[in-house]
Amino acid sequence: MVGGKLLLFIGIRIFRASPKDPKIHINNGGMSRSYLTTVFLTLTNPLTIFAFLAVFAALGLGGKLKYLSAAILVAGVFIGSCLWFLYLVRVLYSLKIS
């Protein structure tokens, strides 16, 4: 409840704030910095970690996998996530430019 009220308060405060000057240039570091920031935020998000643990447990992958199979599974999830974030950052970056 408290978290929802806090988010509502922040949203209303941002909505009522006066807009910034659009002529101010913000140096965002480009697409690579956006990508690395997104990956870092995802890796440090506990909800993401628990979601992957829950999916692996629901699929019954707890004790049945050998080390090589587990490494291939983790590498596949990691590569898939990296490709997804690369695609996501690229699309959003192209929308920002146009």
Protein backbone atom coordinates (compact mmCIF):
# COMPACT_ATOMS: atom_id res chain seq x y z
CA MET A 1 0.00 0.00 0.00
CA VAL A 2 2.72 2.42 0.97
CA GLY A 3 4.70 1.70 -2.21
CA GLY A 4 1.64 2.34 -4.38
CA LYS A 5 0.92 5.63 -2.64
CA LEU A 6 4.55 6.66 -3.05
CA LEU A 7 4.46 5.90 -6.77
CA LEU A 8 1.20 7.81 -7.12
CA PHE A 9 2.70 10.80 -5.30
CA ILE A 10 5.81 10.78 -7.49
CA GLY A 11 3.69 10.47 -10.65
CA ILE A 12 1.48 13.42 -9.71
CA ARG A 13 4.51 15.48 -8.77
CA ILE A 14 6.18 14.80 -12.12
CA PHE A 15 2.93 15.50 -13.98
CA ARG A 16 2.54 18.90 -12.30
CA ALA A 17 6.20 19.92 -12.73
CA SER A 18 7.02 22.50 -15.34
CA PRO A 19 8.64 21.04 -18.47
CA LYS A 20 12.35 21.48 -19.03
CA ASP A 21 13.77 23.47 -21.92
CA PRO A 22 13.94 21.10 -24.93
CA LYS A 23 17.01 22.93 -26.26
CA ILE A 24 19.18 21.64 -23.41
CA HIS A 25 21.50 18.95 -24.78
CA ILE A 26 21.77 15.84 -22.66
CA ASN A 27 24.79 13.64 -23.25
CA ASN A 28 23.43 10.12 -22.83
CA GLY A 29 26.49 8.16 -24.00
CA GLY A 30 24.87 6.49 -26.98
CA MET A 31 23.45 3.09 -27.62
CA SER A 32 26.21 1.07 -25.93
CA ARG A 33 25.78 2.90 -22.64
CA SER A 34 22.00 2.42 -22.82
CA TYR A 35 22.48 -1.28 -23.48
CA LEU A 36 24.94 -1.78 -20.62
CA THR A 37 22.72 0.18 -18.23
CA THR A 38 19.72 -1.97 -19.14
CA VAL A 39 21.66 -5.21 -18.71
CA PHE A 40 23.05 -4.07 -15.35
CA LEU A 41 19.63 -3.05 -14.07
CA THR A 42 18.16 -6.38 -15.12
CA LEU A 43 20.94 -8.42 -13.56
CA THR A 44 20.52 -6.60 -10.26
CA ASN A 45 16.72 -6.90 -10.25
CA PRO A 46 15.71 -9.54 -7.68
CA LEU A 47 12.35 -10.08 -9.37
CA THR A 48 14.10 -11.17 -12.58
CA ILE A 49 16.35 -13.58 -10.69
CA PHE A 50 13.44 -15.14 -8.81
CA ALA A 51 11.36 -15.37 -12.00
CA PHE A 52 14.09 -17.38 -13.75
CA LEU A 53 14.52 -19.58 -10.67
CA ALA A 54 10.77 -20.21 -10.59
CA VAL A 55 10.66 -21.09 -14.29
CA PHE A 56 13.59 -23.48 -13.97
CA ALA A 57 12.04 -25.10 -10.90
CA ALA A 58 8.62 -25.39 -12.58
CA LEU A 59 10.23 -27.15 -15.52
CA GLY A 60 11.79 -29.64 -13.11
CA LEU A 61 15.36 -28.65 -13.86
CA GLY A 62 16.53 -28.71 -10.25
CA GLY A 63 18.48 -31.94 -9.89
CA LYS A 64 18.13 -33.62 -13.27
CA LEU A 65 20.67 -31.57 -15.20
CA LYS A 66 24.33 -32.37 -15.57
CA TYR A 67 26.85 -29.53 -15.38
CA LEU A 68 27.20 -29.24 -19.14
CA SER A 69 23.44 -29.18 -19.70
CA ALA A 70 23.00 -26.56 -16.98
CA ALA A 71 25.79 -24.44 -18.45
CA ILE A 72 24.22 -24.62 -21.92
CA LEU A 73 20.82 -23.66 -20.48
CA VAL A 74 22.23 -20.69 -18.58
CA ALA A 75 24.27 -19.58 -21.60
CA GLY A 76 21.17 -19.82 -23.80
CA VAL A 77 19.12 -17.71 -21.42
CA PHE A 78 21.96 -15.19 -21.13
CA ILE A 79 22.48 -14.91 -24.89
CA GLY A 80 18.73 -14.66 -25.49
CA SER A 81 18.43 -11.89 -22.90
CA CYS A 82 21.38 -10.02 -24.39
CA LEU A 83 19.87 -10.22 -27.88
CA TRP A 84 16.49 -9.07 -26.58
CA PHE A 85 18.00 -6.05 -24.81
CA LEU A 86 20.13 -5.20 -27.83
CA TYR A 87 17.00 -5.24 -30.01
CA LEU A 88 15.03 -3.24 -27.45
CA VAL A 89 17.70 -0.56 -27.07
CA ARG A 90 18.17 -0.35 -30.85
CA VAL A 91 14.45 0.16 -31.49
CA LEU A 92 14.10 2.77 -28.75
CA TYR A 93 17.28 4.53 -29.84
CA SER A 94 16.02 4.73 -33.44
CA LEU A 95 12.68 6.11 -32.23
CA LYS A 96 14.51 8.75 -30.21
CA ILE A 97 16.59 9.86 -33.19
CA SER A 98 13.63 10.23 -35.57
